[in-house]
């Protein structure tokens, strides 16, 4: 599942697989914004069957690829 999560993140951020470091701050780097977060959540639900509540999701929880993978791993 980690590979699929990484593919989704890279696709949303416009990066090639392997380009994003696990601890890269996606918002600070300009790779993720509120619109991209919605797109990412739709992809997670469609491809992985994982639904996250955008109302309770905090920016800090999804600020890096590693945090996103950790969050989704805990939900799946």
N, C-alpha and C. Protein backbone atom coordinates (compact mmCIF):
# COMPACT_ATOMS: atom_id res chain seq x y z
N UNK A 1 0.82 -1.19 0.00
CA UNK A 1 0.00 0.00 0.00
C UNK A 1 0.86 1.26 0.00
N UNK A 2 2.05 1.21 0.61
CA UNK A 2 2.92 2.38 0.66
C UNK A 2 3.28 2.84 -0.76
N UNK A 3 3.49 1.90 -1.66
CA UNK A 3 3.83 2.26 -3.04
C UNK A 3 2.68 3.01 -3.70
N UNK A 4 1.46 2.55 -3.51
CA UNK A 4 0.30 3.23 -4.09
C UNK A 4 0.11 4.62 -3.50
N UNK A 5 0.31 4.74 -2.19
CA UNK A 5 0.20 6.05 -1.54
C UNK A 5 1.23 7.00 -2.13
N UNK A 6 2.46 6.53 -2.27
CA UNK A 6 3.53 7.35 -2.82
C UNK A 6 3.22 7.76 -4.25
N UNK A 7 2.68 6.83 -5.05
CA UNK A 7 2.31 7.15 -6.43
C UNK A 7 1.25 8.25 -6.47
N UNK A 8 0.28 8.16 -5.59
CA UNK A 8 -0.78 9.18 -5.54
C UNK A 8 -0.20 10.53 -5.15
N UNK A 9 0.63 10.55 -4.12
CA UNK A 9 1.25 11.81 -3.68
C UNK A 9 2.07 12.42 -4.81
N UNK A 10 2.89 11.61 -5.47
CA UNK A 10 3.72 12.11 -6.56
C UNK A 10 2.85 12.65 -7.70
N UNK A 11 1.79 11.94 -8.02
CA UNK A 11 0.90 12.40 -9.09
C UNK A 11 0.25 13.73 -8.77
N UNK A 12 -0.21 13.88 -7.54
CA UNK A 12 -0.85 15.14 -7.13
C UNK A 12 0.17 16.28 -7.10
N UNK A 13 1.38 15.99 -6.66
CA UNK A 13 2.41 17.03 -6.53
C UNK A 13 3.16 17.29 -7.83
N UNK A 14 2.91 16.46 -8.85
CA UNK A 14 3.61 16.64 -10.13
C UNK A 14 5.05 16.22 -10.08
N UNK A 15 5.35 15.21 -9.28
CA UNK A 15 6.72 14.72 -9.14
C UNK A 15 6.83 13.31 -9.70
N UNK A 16 8.03 12.94 -10.07
CA UNK A 16 8.30 11.58 -10.50
C UNK A 16 8.49 10.70 -9.28
N UNK A 17 8.20 9.42 -9.44
CA UNK A 17 8.39 8.47 -8.34
C UNK A 17 9.84 8.52 -7.88
N UNK A 18 10.05 8.66 -6.60
CA UNK A 18 11.40 8.73 -6.03
C UNK A 18 11.94 10.14 -5.88
N UNK A 19 11.25 11.13 -6.42
CA UNK A 19 11.72 12.52 -6.32
C UNK A 19 11.45 13.14 -4.96
N UNK A 20 10.39 12.72 -4.30
CA UNK A 20 10.00 13.34 -3.04
C UNK A 20 10.66 12.64 -1.86
N UNK A 21 11.38 13.39 -1.08
CA UNK A 21 11.97 12.85 0.14
C UNK A 21 10.87 12.64 1.17
N UNK A 22 11.00 11.62 2.00
CA UNK A 22 9.95 11.33 2.99
C UNK A 22 9.61 12.49 3.92
N UNK A 23 10.61 13.32 4.25
CA UNK A 23 10.38 14.42 5.19
C UNK A 23 10.25 15.79 4.52
N UNK A 24 10.05 15.80 3.20
CA UNK A 24 9.88 17.06 2.49
C UNK A 24 8.57 17.72 2.92
N UNK A 25 8.63 18.97 3.31
CA UNK A 25 7.46 19.74 3.70
C UNK A 25 6.72 20.16 2.43
N UNK A 26 5.67 19.43 2.11
CA UNK A 26 4.97 19.61 0.84
C UNK A 26 4.31 20.98 0.68
N UNK A 27 3.73 21.50 1.74
CA UNK A 27 3.11 22.83 1.67
C UNK A 27 4.16 23.92 1.51
N UNK A 28 5.23 23.83 2.29
CA UNK A 28 6.29 24.83 2.22
C UNK A 28 6.98 24.84 0.85
N UNK A 29 7.07 23.66 0.23
CA UNK A 29 7.71 23.55 -1.08
C UNK A 29 6.77 23.97 -2.22
N UNK A 30 5.52 24.28 -1.88
CA UNK A 30 4.56 24.69 -2.89
C UNK A 30 4.01 23.54 -3.72
N UNK A 31 4.16 22.33 -3.23
CA UNK A 31 3.69 21.15 -3.96
C UNK A 31 2.30 20.71 -3.56
N UNK A 32 1.82 21.22 -2.44
CA UNK A 32 0.50 20.83 -1.95
C UNK A 32 -0.21 22.08 -1.45
N UNK A 33 -1.47 22.24 -1.86
CA UNK A 33 -2.32 23.32 -1.38
C UNK A 33 -3.70 22.74 -1.08
N UNK A 34 -4.63 23.57 -0.70
CA UNK A 34 -5.93 23.05 -0.28
C UNK A 34 -6.65 22.31 -1.41
N UNK A 35 -6.53 22.78 -2.63
CA UNK A 35 -7.16 22.10 -3.76
C UNK A 35 -6.51 20.73 -3.98
N UNK A 36 -5.19 20.68 -3.92
CA UNK A 36 -4.47 19.42 -4.10
C UNK A 36 -4.80 18.43 -2.98
N UNK A 37 -5.03 18.92 -1.78
CA UNK A 37 -5.41 18.03 -0.67
C UNK A 37 -6.74 17.35 -0.99
N UNK A 38 -7.69 18.10 -1.50
CA UNK A 38 -8.99 17.51 -1.86
C UNK A 38 -8.80 16.46 -2.95
N UNK A 39 -8.00 16.78 -3.96
CA UNK A 39 -7.72 15.82 -5.02
C UNK A 39 -7.08 14.55 -4.46
N UNK A 40 -6.14 14.72 -3.56
CA UNK A 40 -5.43 13.61 -2.96
C UNK A 40 -6.40 12.72 -2.17
N UNK A 41 -7.28 13.33 -1.40
CA UNK A 41 -8.25 12.56 -0.62
C UNK A 41 -9.19 11.77 -1.52
N UNK A 42 -9.59 12.37 -2.63
CA UNK A 42 -10.44 11.67 -3.59
C UNK A 42 -9.71 10.46 -4.17
N UNK A 43 -8.44 10.64 -4.48
CA UNK A 43 -7.63 9.54 -5.00
C UNK A 43 -7.46 8.42 -3.96
N UNK A 44 -7.21 8.80 -2.72
CA UNK A 44 -7.06 7.78 -1.67
C UNK A 44 -8.33 6.96 -1.53
N UNK A 45 -9.46 7.64 -1.59
CA UNK A 45 -10.72 6.93 -1.44
C UNK A 45 -11.01 6.05 -2.67
N UNK A 46 -10.77 6.59 -3.84
CA UNK A 46 -11.05 5.85 -5.07
C UNK A 46 -10.13 4.67 -5.30
N UNK A 47 -8.85 4.86 -5.06
CA UNK A 47 -7.87 3.80 -5.36
C UNK A 47 -7.62 2.86 -4.19
N UNK A 48 -7.72 3.38 -2.98
CA UNK A 48 -7.37 2.56 -1.81
C UNK A 48 -8.57 2.23 -0.93
N UNK A 49 -9.68 2.90 -1.17
CA UNK A 49 -10.85 2.67 -0.33
C UNK A 49 -10.72 3.27 1.06
N UNK A 50 -9.81 4.24 1.20
CA UNK A 50 -9.58 4.89 2.49
C UNK A 50 -10.19 6.28 2.46
N UNK A 51 -11.09 6.54 3.39
CA UNK A 51 -11.76 7.82 3.46
C UNK A 51 -11.28 8.58 4.70
N UNK A 52 -10.82 9.79 4.48
CA UNK A 52 -10.41 10.66 5.59
C UNK A 52 -11.36 11.85 5.65
N UNK A 53 -11.71 12.26 6.83
CA UNK A 53 -12.62 13.39 7.03
C UNK A 53 -11.84 14.69 6.91
N UNK A 54 -12.10 15.44 5.86
CA UNK A 54 -11.39 16.69 5.63
C UNK A 54 -11.66 17.71 6.73
N UNK A 55 -12.81 17.58 7.39
CA UNK A 55 -13.17 18.50 8.47
C UNK A 55 -12.23 18.38 9.68
N UNK A 56 -11.74 17.18 9.94
CA UNK A 56 -10.89 16.97 11.12
C UNK A 56 -9.42 16.81 10.76
N UNK A 57 -9.11 16.77 9.46
CA UNK A 57 -7.74 16.60 9.02
C UNK A 57 -6.95 17.89 9.24
N UNK A 58 -5.82 17.77 9.90
CA UNK A 58 -4.99 18.95 10.16
C UNK A 58 -3.83 18.99 9.17
N UNK A 59 -3.44 20.18 8.79
CA UNK A 59 -2.32 20.36 7.86
C UNK A 59 -1.06 19.66 8.36
N UNK A 60 -0.83 19.70 9.66
CA UNK A 60 0.36 19.06 10.23
C UNK A 60 0.36 17.55 10.01
N UNK A 61 -0.84 16.97 9.91
CA UNK A 61 -0.96 15.52 9.74
C UNK A 61 -0.54 15.06 8.35
N UNK A 62 -0.57 15.97 7.38
CA UNK A 62 -0.29 15.59 6.00
C UNK A 62 0.79 16.48 5.38
N UNK A 63 1.67 17.01 6.19
CA UNK A 63 2.66 17.97 5.69
C UNK A 63 3.83 17.33 4.97
N UNK A 64 4.08 16.03 5.18
CA UNK A 64 5.18 15.34 4.51
C UNK A 64 4.67 14.00 3.97
N UNK A 65 5.37 13.45 2.97
CA UNK A 65 4.98 12.12 2.50
C UNK A 65 5.00 11.07 3.61
N UNK A 66 5.98 11.13 4.49
CA UNK A 66 6.08 10.16 5.59
C UNK A 66 4.87 10.26 6.52
N UNK A 67 4.42 11.47 6.81
CA UNK A 67 3.26 11.65 7.68
C UNK A 67 1.99 11.13 7.02
N UNK A 68 1.87 11.35 5.72
CA UNK A 68 0.69 10.87 5.00
C UNK A 68 0.67 9.34 5.02
N UNK A 69 1.80 8.73 4.73
CA UNK A 69 1.89 7.26 4.74
C UNK A 69 1.59 6.73 6.12
N UNK A 70 2.11 7.36 7.16
CA UNK A 70 1.84 6.93 8.53
C UNK A 70 0.38 7.06 8.90
N UNK A 71 -0.23 8.16 8.48
CA UNK A 71 -1.65 8.38 8.76
C UNK A 71 -2.51 7.33 8.07
N UNK A 72 -2.26 7.10 6.81
CA UNK A 72 -3.07 6.14 6.06
C UNK A 72 -2.82 4.71 6.52
N UNK A 73 -1.61 4.43 6.94
CA UNK A 73 -1.30 3.10 7.45
C UNK A 73 -2.07 2.82 8.73
N UNK A 74 -2.32 3.86 9.52
CA UNK A 74 -3.08 3.70 10.75
C UNK A 74 -4.57 3.59 10.53
N UNK A 75 -5.04 4.06 9.37
CA UNK A 75 -6.47 4.04 9.06
C UNK A 75 -6.86 2.75 8.35
N UNK A 76 -5.96 2.26 7.51
CA UNK A 76 -6.28 1.07 6.69
C UNK A 76 -6.48 -0.18 7.52
